[in-house]
Amino acid sequence: MKRLALASAVLLAAMAAGFGVRASEPVMRGVSNPQQARIDYMLKCQGCHRPDGSGDDHSNPPMKHIVARFLGVPGGREFLGRVPGVSTVDLDDVRLTNLLNWTLYTFDPAHMPADFRPYTPKEIGQLRRHPLRLERAPMRAQLVAGFAQERTRPNNP
């Protein structure tokens, strides 16, 4: 029994090292389990959005250096919770919330608002009930166009 416990501890430590988990990871509000979020990203998202979040800018838009910018435009927060890959993924609302908040911090920390209000499972559950379909691409284009306007408003750098 002792041997099994030791083997389990060694395996968990190796897995954590392999996933780049560090004791000094930055605080990510709304991310209760960064290790699980990373695994969920690897299993549910990176096949299309790539391991580094770069996407392909055609059918799988990049998240790297852009995803948190949606939080700064009207309708952008809701959009992120309603896009097909988010709203229809086979994760419960708690794990999906953890993953979405982690994705924002991981792929676009430079654009995270100082007053960021993390997504909650209740909010994600409500957004998922209204998934985007064919309107996703034009809605995304409209929101991205709003990024430039957001920068020119007073109190924005």
N, C-alpha and C. Protein backbone atom coordinates (compact mmCIF):
# COMPACT_ATOMS: atom_id res chain seq x y z
N MET A 1 0.82 -1.18 0.00
CA MET A 1 0.00 0.00 0.00
C MET A 1 0.87 1.25 0.00
N LYS A 2 1.93 1.19 0.82
CA LYS A 2 2.85 2.32 0.92
C LYS A 2 3.52 2.56 -0.44
N ARG A 3 3.84 1.47 -1.10
CA ARG A 3 4.47 1.54 -2.42
C ARG A 3 3.56 2.21 -3.45
N LEU A 4 2.28 1.87 -3.40
CA LEU A 4 1.29 2.46 -4.30
C LEU A 4 1.17 3.97 -4.07
N ALA A 5 1.14 4.37 -2.80
CA ALA A 5 1.06 5.79 -2.48
C ALA A 5 2.29 6.54 -2.99
N LEU A 6 3.46 5.95 -2.81
CA LEU A 6 4.70 6.57 -3.28
C LEU A 6 4.70 6.67 -4.81
N ALA A 7 4.28 5.60 -5.48
CA ALA A 7 4.23 5.61 -6.94
C ALA A 7 3.24 6.67 -7.43
N SER A 8 2.11 6.81 -6.76
CA SER A 8 1.12 7.82 -7.14
C SER A 8 1.70 9.22 -6.97
N ALA A 9 2.40 9.45 -5.87
CA ALA A 9 3.00 10.76 -5.63
C ALA A 9 4.04 11.09 -6.69
N VAL A 10 4.86 10.11 -7.05
CA VAL A 10 5.88 10.32 -8.08
C VAL A 10 5.21 10.61 -9.42
N LEU A 11 4.16 9.87 -9.75
CA LEU A 11 3.45 10.08 -11.00
C LEU A 11 2.82 11.47 -11.05
N LEU A 12 2.19 11.90 -9.98
CA LEU A 12 1.59 13.24 -9.94
C LEU A 12 2.65 14.32 -10.07
N ALA A 13 3.77 14.15 -9.41
CA ALA A 13 4.86 15.13 -9.51
C ALA A 13 5.40 15.19 -10.94
N ALA A 14 5.54 14.04 -11.57
CA ALA A 14 6.02 14.02 -12.96
C ALA A 14 5.02 14.68 -13.89
N MET A 15 3.73 14.42 -13.66
CA MET A 15 2.71 15.05 -14.49
C MET A 15 2.75 16.56 -14.32
N ALA A 16 2.85 17.02 -13.09
CA ALA A 16 2.90 18.46 -12.84
C ALA A 16 4.11 19.08 -13.50
N ALA A 17 5.25 18.42 -13.42
CA ALA A 17 6.46 18.94 -14.07
C ALA A 17 6.29 18.96 -15.58
N GLY A 18 5.68 17.94 -16.11
CA GLY A 18 5.47 17.87 -17.56
C GLY A 18 4.52 18.93 -18.07
N PHE A 19 3.61 19.38 -17.23
CA PHE A 19 2.66 20.40 -17.65
C PHE A 19 3.14 21.80 -17.29
N GLY A 20 4.33 21.92 -16.79
CA GLY A 20 4.87 23.24 -16.49
C GLY A 20 4.24 23.88 -15.27
N VAL A 21 3.67 23.12 -14.38
CA VAL A 21 3.05 23.67 -13.19
C VAL A 21 4.14 24.04 -12.20
N ARG A 22 4.05 25.25 -11.70
CA ARG A 22 5.06 25.73 -10.76
C ARG A 22 4.35 26.22 -9.50
N ALA A 23 5.03 26.10 -8.37
CA ALA A 23 4.45 26.58 -7.12
C ALA A 23 4.25 28.09 -7.17
N SER A 24 5.01 28.79 -7.98
CA SER A 24 4.94 30.25 -8.03
C SER A 24 4.08 30.76 -9.19
N GLU A 25 3.08 29.98 -9.62
CA GLU A 25 2.22 30.43 -10.71
C GLU A 25 1.51 31.71 -10.29
N PRO A 26 1.28 32.63 -11.24
CA PRO A 26 0.59 33.87 -10.89
C PRO A 26 -0.85 33.60 -10.47
N VAL A 27 -1.37 34.51 -9.68
CA VAL A 27 -2.75 34.39 -9.24
C VAL A 27 -3.67 34.68 -10.42
N MET A 28 -4.58 33.78 -10.65
CA MET A 28 -5.56 33.93 -11.73
C MET A 28 -6.94 33.90 -11.08
N ARG A 29 -7.54 35.07 -10.93
CA ARG A 29 -8.87 35.12 -10.31
C ARG A 29 -9.86 34.32 -11.15
N GLY A 30 -10.65 33.49 -10.47
CA GLY A 30 -11.64 32.68 -11.15
C GLY A 30 -11.10 31.36 -11.68
N VAL A 31 -9.83 31.09 -11.44
CA VAL A 31 -9.22 29.83 -11.88
C VAL A 31 -8.93 29.01 -10.62
N SER A 32 -9.81 28.08 -10.33
CA SER A 32 -9.66 27.29 -9.12
C SER A 32 -8.64 26.16 -9.28
N ASN A 33 -8.43 25.73 -10.52
CA ASN A 33 -7.53 24.61 -10.76
C ASN A 33 -6.82 24.80 -12.11
N PRO A 34 -5.68 25.51 -12.10
CA PRO A 34 -4.97 25.77 -13.36
C PRO A 34 -4.50 24.49 -14.06
N GLN A 35 -4.14 23.47 -13.28
CA GLN A 35 -3.69 22.23 -13.88
C GLN A 35 -4.82 21.57 -14.67
N GLN A 36 -6.02 21.53 -14.08
CA GLN A 36 -7.16 20.95 -14.78
C GLN A 36 -7.51 21.77 -16.01
N ALA A 37 -7.43 23.10 -15.88
CA ALA A 37 -7.73 23.96 -17.03
C ALA A 37 -6.78 23.69 -18.18
N ARG A 38 -5.51 23.52 -17.86
CA ARG A 38 -4.52 23.23 -18.91
C ARG A 38 -4.82 21.89 -19.59
N ILE A 39 -5.16 20.90 -18.80
CA ILE A 39 -5.49 19.60 -19.37
C ILE A 39 -6.75 19.71 -20.23
N ASP A 40 -7.76 20.42 -19.73
CA ASP A 40 -8.99 20.60 -20.51
C ASP A 40 -8.69 21.34 -21.81
N TYR A 41 -7.81 22.34 -21.77
CA TYR A 41 -7.43 23.04 -23.00
C TYR A 41 -6.77 22.07 -23.97
N MET A 42 -5.86 21.27 -23.47
CA MET A 42 -5.16 20.32 -24.33
C MET A 42 -6.14 19.34 -24.98
N LEU A 43 -7.12 18.87 -24.22
CA LEU A 43 -8.05 17.86 -24.73
C LEU A 43 -9.18 18.45 -25.56
N LYS A 44 -9.62 19.65 -25.26
CA LYS A 44 -10.84 20.19 -25.88
C LYS A 44 -10.60 21.36 -26.83
N CYS A 45 -9.46 22.02 -26.76
CA CYS A 45 -9.29 23.27 -27.51
C CYS A 45 -8.08 23.30 -28.43
N GLN A 46 -6.95 22.76 -27.98
CA GLN A 46 -5.72 22.97 -28.72
C GLN A 46 -5.68 22.28 -30.08
N GLY A 47 -6.53 21.33 -30.31
CA GLY A 47 -6.57 20.70 -31.63
C GLY A 47 -6.90 21.70 -32.71
N CYS A 48 -7.70 22.68 -32.39
CA CYS A 48 -8.07 23.72 -33.36
C CYS A 48 -7.31 25.03 -33.12
N HIS A 49 -7.21 25.42 -31.85
CA HIS A 49 -6.58 26.71 -31.53
C HIS A 49 -5.08 26.60 -31.32
N ARG A 50 -4.53 25.41 -31.45
CA ARG A 50 -3.11 25.12 -31.32
C ARG A 50 -2.62 25.26 -29.87
N PRO A 51 -1.53 24.59 -29.54
CA PRO A 51 -1.04 24.62 -28.15
C PRO A 51 -0.74 26.01 -27.62
N ASP A 52 -0.31 26.91 -28.50
CA ASP A 52 0.04 28.26 -28.04
C ASP A 52 -1.09 29.27 -28.23
N GLY A 53 -2.27 28.82 -28.63
CA GLY A 53 -3.41 29.70 -28.80
C GLY A 53 -3.39 30.53 -30.07
N SER A 54 -2.49 30.21 -31.00
CA SER A 54 -2.34 31.03 -32.21
C SER A 54 -3.43 30.79 -33.25
N GLY A 55 -4.17 29.69 -33.15
CA GLY A 55 -5.24 29.41 -34.11
C GLY A 55 -4.75 29.43 -35.54
N ASP A 56 -5.67 29.64 -36.49
CA ASP A 56 -5.25 29.72 -37.89
C ASP A 56 -5.81 30.96 -38.57
N ASP A 57 -6.54 31.79 -37.84
CA ASP A 57 -7.09 33.06 -38.31
C ASP A 57 -8.09 32.89 -39.46
N HIS A 58 -8.59 31.69 -39.65
CA HIS A 58 -9.63 31.44 -40.66
C HIS A 58 -10.84 30.83 -39.98
N SER A 59 -10.78 29.54 -39.74
CA SER A 59 -11.91 28.88 -39.09
C SER A 59 -11.70 28.73 -37.59
N ASN A 60 -10.48 28.89 -37.12
CA ASN A 60 -10.16 28.77 -35.69
C ASN A 60 -9.37 30.00 -35.26
N PRO A 61 -10.06 31.06 -34.93
CA PRO A 61 -9.39 32.33 -34.64
C PRO A 61 -8.35 32.23 -33.53
N PRO A 62 -7.35 33.06 -33.61
CA PRO A 62 -6.33 33.06 -32.56
C PRO A 62 -6.89 33.60 -31.25
N MET A 63 -6.34 33.11 -30.17
CA MET A 63 -6.65 33.65 -28.84
C MET A 63 -5.44 34.41 -28.31
N LYS A 64 -4.27 33.98 -28.76
CA LYS A 64 -3.02 34.57 -28.30
C LYS A 64 -2.99 36.08 -28.63
N HIS A 65 -2.76 36.87 -27.61
CA HIS A 65 -2.63 38.33 -27.72
C HIS A 65 -3.92 39.03 -28.15
N ILE A 66 -5.07 38.37 -28.05
CA ILE A 66 -6.31 39.00 -28.50
C ILE A 66 -7.52 38.66 -27.64
N VAL A 67 -7.60 37.48 -27.06
CA VAL A 67 -8.84 37.00 -26.45
C VAL A 67 -9.35 37.91 -25.33
N ALA A 68 -8.48 38.46 -24.49
CA ALA A 68 -8.94 39.32 -23.40
C ALA A 68 -9.44 40.67 -23.89
N ARG A 69 -9.09 41.04 -25.10
CA ARG A 69 -9.57 42.31 -25.65
C ARG A 69 -11.09 42.30 -25.83
N PHE A 70 -11.68 41.12 -25.98
CA PHE A 70 -13.13 41.03 -26.11
C PHE A 70 -13.83 41.55 -24.85
N LEU A 71 -13.15 41.47 -23.71
CA LEU A 71 -13.74 41.93 -22.46
C LEU A 71 -13.91 43.45 -22.43
N GLY A 72 -13.23 44.15 -23.31
CA GLY A 72 -13.27 45.61 -23.31
C GLY A 72 -14.26 46.22 -24.29
N VAL A 73 -15.00 45.42 -25.01
CA VAL A 73 -15.98 45.95 -25.97
C VAL A 73 -17.38 45.45 -25.61
N PRO A 74 -18.38 46.28 -25.81
CA PRO A 74 -19.76 45.86 -25.50
C PRO A 74 -20.12 44.57 -26.25
N GLY A 75 -20.61 43.60 -25.51
CA GLY A 75 -21.01 42.33 -26.08
C GLY A 75 -19.89 41.30 -26.16
N GLY A 76 -18.66 41.72 -25.93
CA GLY A 76 -17.52 40.81 -26.06
C GLY A 76 -17.48 39.73 -24.99
N ARG A 77 -17.80 40.10 -23.78
CA ARG A 77 -17.80 39.12 -22.69
C ARG A 77 -18.81 38.01 -22.99
N GLU A 78 -20.00 38.40 -23.41
CA GLU A 78 -21.04 37.44 -23.72
C GLU A 78 -20.64 36.57 -24.91
N PHE A 79 -20.02 37.20 -25.90
CA PHE A 79 -19.56 36.48 -27.09
C PHE A 79 -18.67 35.31 -26.72
N LEU A 80 -17.70 35.54 -25.81
CA LEU A 80 -16.76 34.48 -25.44
C LEU A 80 -17.46 33.28 -24.81
N GLY A 81 -18.55 33.51 -24.11
CA GLY A 81 -19.27 32.41 -23.50
C GLY A 81 -20.25 31.72 -24.43
N ARG A 82 -20.47 32.31 -25.61
CA ARG A 82 -21.46 31.77 -26.53
C ARG A 82 -20.87 31.17 -27.81
N VAL A 83 -19.57 31.37 -28.07
CA VAL A 83 -18.99 30.82 -29.30
C VAL A 83 -19.14 29.30 -29.28
N PRO A 84 -19.27 28.68 -30.46
CA PRO A 84 -19.57 27.25 -30.50
C PRO A 84 -18.62 26.36 -29.70
N GLY A 85 -17.33 26.58 -29.80
CA GLY A 85 -16.39 25.73 -29.09
C GLY A 85 -16.51 25.83 -27.58
N VAL A 86 -16.99 26.95 -27.10
CA VAL A 86 -17.19 27.13 -25.66
C VAL A 86 -18.57 26.62 -25.25
N SER A 87 -19.58 27.09 -25.92
CA SER A 87 -20.95 26.79 -25.48
C SER A 87 -21.34 25.32 -25.64
N THR A 88 -20.70 24.60 -26.54
CA THR A 88 -21.11 23.21 -26.78
C THR A 88 -20.10 22.17 -26.29
N VAL A 89 -19.01 22.59 -25.69
CA VAL A 89 -18.01 21.63 -25.24
C VAL A 89 -18.60 20.74 -24.14
N ASP A 90 -18.15 19.51 -24.09
CA ASP A 90 -18.68 18.56 -23.12
C ASP A 90 -17.95 18.64 -21.77
N LEU A 91 -18.00 19.82 -21.17
CA LEU A 91 -17.51 20.05 -19.81
C LEU A 91 -18.67 20.64 -19.02
N ASP A 92 -18.70 20.38 -17.73
CA ASP A 92 -19.74 21.02 -16.92
C ASP A 92 -19.40 22.50 -16.76
N ASP A 93 -20.35 23.27 -16.26
CA ASP A 93 -20.17 24.72 -16.16
C ASP A 93 -19.01 25.12 -15.25
N VAL A 94 -18.75 24.35 -14.22
CA VAL A 94 -17.64 24.66 -13.30
C VAL A 94 -16.30 24.51 -14.02
N ARG A 95 -16.10 23.39 -14.68
CA ARG A 95 -14.83 23.18 -15.39
C ARG A 95 -14.69 24.13 -16.57
N LEU A 96 -15.77 24.41 -17.26
CA LEU A 96 -15.70 25.34 -18.39
C LEU A 96 -15.36 26.75 -17.91
N THR A 97 -15.93 27.15 -16.79
CA THR A 97 -15.60 28.47 -16.21
C THR A 97 -14.13 28.54 -15.87
N ASN A 98 -13.62 27.51 -15.23
CA ASN A 98 -12.21 27.43 -14.89
C ASN A 98 -11.35 27.55 -16.15
N LEU A 99 -11.74 26.83 -17.20
CA LEU A 99 -11.00 26.84 -18.46
C LEU A 99 -11.05 28.20 -19.14
N LEU A 100 -12.22 28.81 -19.21
CA LEU A 100 -12.34 30.11 -19.89
C LEU A 100 -11.53 31.18 -19.16
N ASN A 101 -11.64 31.25 -17.84
CA ASN A 101 -10.85 32.23 -17.10
C ASN A 101 -9.36 31.98 -17.28
N TRP A 102 -8.94 30.72 -17.24
CA TRP A 102 -7.53 30.35 -17.44
C TRP A 102 -7.05 30.77 -18.82
N THR A 103 -7.89 30.56 -19.82
CA THR A 103 -7.54 30.91 -21.20
C THR A 103 -7.25 32.40 -21.33
N LEU A 104 -8.07 33.21 -20.70
CA LEU A 104 -7.86 34.66 -20.75
C LEU A 104 -6.51 35.05 -20.16
N TYR A 105 -6.21 34.54 -18.98
CA TYR A 105 -4.94 34.86 -18.32
C TYR A 105 -3.75 34.27 -19.07
N THR A 106 -3.91 33.09 -19.63
CA THR A 106 -2.79 32.39 -20.26
C THR A 106 -2.42 32.97 -21.62
N PHE A 107 -3.42 33.26 -22.44
CA PHE A 107 -3.13 33.65 -23.81
C PHE A 107 -3.15 35.16 -24.06
N ASP A 108 -3.63 35.93 -23.11
CA ASP A 108 -3.65 37.39 -23.34
C ASP A 108 -3.54 38.18 -22.03
N PRO A 109 -2.52 37.91 -21.24
CA PRO A 109 -2.40 38.62 -19.97
C PRO A 109 -2.22 40.13 -20.13
N ALA A 110 -1.65 40.57 -21.22
CA ALA A 110 -1.41 42.00 -21.43
C ALA A 110 -2.71 42.80 -21.57
N HIS A 111 -3.78 42.16 -21.98
CA HIS A 111 -5.05 42.88 -22.17
C HIS A 111 -6.08 42.57 -21.09
N MET A 112 -5.68 41.88 -20.03
CA MET A 112 -6.62 41.60 -18.96
C MET A 112 -6.95 42.90 -18.23
N PRO A 113 -8.24 43.23 -18.13
CA PRO A 113 -8.62 44.46 -17.43
C PRO A 113 -8.24 44.38 -15.95
N ALA A 114 -7.80 45.49 -15.39
CA ALA A 114 -7.44 45.52 -13.97
C ALA A 114 -8.63 45.17 -13.10
N ASP A 115 -9.82 45.51 -13.57
CA ASP A 115 -11.04 45.24 -12.80
C ASP A 115 -11.77 43.99 -13.29
N PHE A 116 -11.03 43.05 -13.86
CA PHE A 116 -11.63 41.83 -14.41
C PHE A 116 -12.52 41.14 -13.38
N ARG A 117 -13.72 40.86 -13.79
CA ARG A 117 -14.69 40.10 -13.00
C ARG A 117 -14.72 38.71 -13.61
N PRO A 118 -14.17 37.71 -12.92
CA PRO A 118 -14.12 36.37 -13.50
C PRO A 118 -15.51 35.85 -13.85
N TYR A 119 -15.54 35.05 -14.90
CA TYR A 119 -16.78 34.34 -15.23
C TYR A 119 -17.14 33.44 -14.05
N THR A 120 -18.41 33.19 -13.87
CA THR A 120 -18.89 32.27 -12.85
C THR A 120 -19.61 31.11 -13.54
N PRO A 121 -19.72 29.98 -12.87
CA PRO A 121 -20.47 28.86 -13.46
C PRO A 121 -21.91 29.24 -13.81
N LYS A 122 -22.55 30.05 -12.98
CA LYS A 122 -23.93 30.47 -13.26
C LYS A 122 -23.99 31.28 -14.56
N GLU A 123 -23.05 32.23 -14.71
CA GLU A 123 -23.01 33.05 -15.93
C GLU A 123 -22.75 32.18 -17.16
N ILE A 124 -21.79 31.28 -17.06
CA ILE A 124 -21.48 30.40 -18.19
C ILE A 124 -22.68 29.54 -18.54
N GLY A 125 -23.36 29.02 -17.54
CA GLY A 125 -24.55 28.21 -17.80
C GLY A 125 -25.62 28.99 -18.56
N GLN A 126 -25.80 30.26 -18.21
CA GLN A 126 -26.78 31.10 -18.90
C GLN A 126 -26.35 31.39 -20.34
N LEU A 127 -25.08 31.71 -20.53
CA LEU A 127 -24.57 32.02 -21.88
C LEU A 127 -24.64 30.80 -22.79
N ARG A 128 -24.35 29.63 -22.25
CA ARG A 128 -24.35 28.41 -23.05
C ARG A 128 -25.74 28.05 -23.59
N ARG A 129 -26.76 28.55 -22.95
CA ARG A 129 -28.12 28.26 -23.40
C ARG A 129 -28.46 28.97 -24.71
N HIS A 130 -27.60 29.91 -25.11
CA HIS A 130 -27.83 30.69 -26.33
C HIS A 130 -26.57 30.65 -27.21
N PRO A 131 -26.19 29.49 -27.68
CA PRO A 131 -24.95 29.38 -28.47
C PRO A 131 -25.05 30.13 -29.80
N LEU A 132 -23.93 30.66 -30.22
CA LEU A 132 -23.85 31.30 -31.53
C LEU A 132 -23.70 30.22 -32.59
N ARG A 133 -24.23 30.49 -33.74
CA ARG A 133 -24.11 29.54 -34.85
C ARG A 133 -23.52 30.30 -36.04
N LEU A 134 -24.32 30.49 -37.07
CA LEU A 134 -23.84 31.15 -38.29
C LEU A 134 -23.48 32.61 -38.07
N GLU A 135 -24.06 33.23 -37.07
CA GLU A 135 -23.77 34.64 -36.81
C GLU A 135 -22.43 34.86 -36.10
N ARG A 136 -21.74 33.79 -35.76
CA ARG A 136 -20.48 33.91 -35.02
C ARG A 136 -19.44 34.75 -35.75
N ALA A 137 -19.19 34.47 -37.01
CA ALA A 137 -18.12 35.17 -37.74
C ALA A 137 -18.40 36.66 -37.91
N PRO A 138 -19.61 37.07 -38.36
CA PRO A 138 -19.84 38.51 -38.47
C PRO A 138 -19.84 39.21 -37.11
N MET A 139 -20.33 38.52 -36.07
CA MET A 139 -20.32 39.13 -34.74
C MET A 139 -18.89 39.32 -34.26
N ARG A 140 -18.04 38.33 -34.49
CA ARG A 140 -16.63 38.45 -34.10
C ARG A 140 -15.97 39.62 -34.84
N ALA A 141 -16.23 39.72 -36.14
CA ALA A 141 -15.64 40.81 -36.93
C ALA A 141 -16.08 42.17 -36.39
N GLN A 142 -17.33 42.30 -36.02
CA GLN A 142 -17.84 43.56 -35.47
C GLN A 142 -17.16 43.88 -34.13
N LEU A 143 -17.00 42.87 -33.29
CA LEU A 143 -16.35 43.09 -32.00
C LEU A 143 -14.88 43.46 -32.19
N VAL A 144 -14.19 42.77 -33.07
CA VAL A 144 -12.78 43.08 -33.33
C VAL A 144 -12.64 44.50 -33.85
N ALA A 145 -13.56 44.93 -34.71
CA ALA A 145 -13.53 46.31 -35.20
C ALA A 145 -13.67 47.30 -34.05
N GLY A 146 -14.39 46.90 -33.00
CA GLY A 146 -14.56 47.75 -31.83
C GLY A 146 -13.32 47.89 -30.97
N PHE A 147 -12.33 47.02 -31.16
CA PHE A 147 -11.10 47.12 -30.38
C PHE A 147 -10.43 48.47 -30.59
N ALA A 148 -10.37 48.95 -31.82
CA ALA A 148 -9.72 50.22 -32.13
C ALA A 148 -10.46 51.37 -31.45
N GLN A 149 -11.78 51.32 -31.46
CA GLN A 149 -12.57 52.37 -30.82
C GLN A 149 -12.37 52.36 -29.32
N GLU A 150 -12.24 51.20 -28.75
CA GLU A 150 -12.05 51.08 -27.30
C GLU A 150 -10.76 51.76 -26.86
N ARG A 151 -9.72 51.68 -27.65
CA ARG A 151 -8.43 52.30 -27.30
C ARG A 151 -8.50 53.81 -27.36
N THR A 152 -9.40 54.37 -28.16
CA THR A 152 -9.44 55.82 -28.31
C THR A 152 -10.38 56.50 -27.31
N ARG A 153 -11.09 55.71 -26.52
CA ARG A 153 -11.98 56.30 -25.52
C ARG A 153 -11.16 56.87 -24.37
N PRO A 154 -11.69 57.90 -23.69
CA PRO A 154 -10.99 58.45 -22.52
C PRO A 154 -10.76 57.38 -21.46
N ASN A 155 -9.66 57.49 -20.73
CA ASN A 155 -9.28 56.57 -19.65
C ASN A 155 -8.77 55.23 -20.19
N ASN A 156 -8.54 55.09 -21.47
CA ASN A 156 -7.95 53.87 -22.01
C ASN A 156 -6.59 54.20 -22.62
N PRO A 157 -5.59 53.39 -22.34
CA PRO A 157 -4.25 53.66 -22.92
C PRO A 157 -4.23 53.41 -24.42
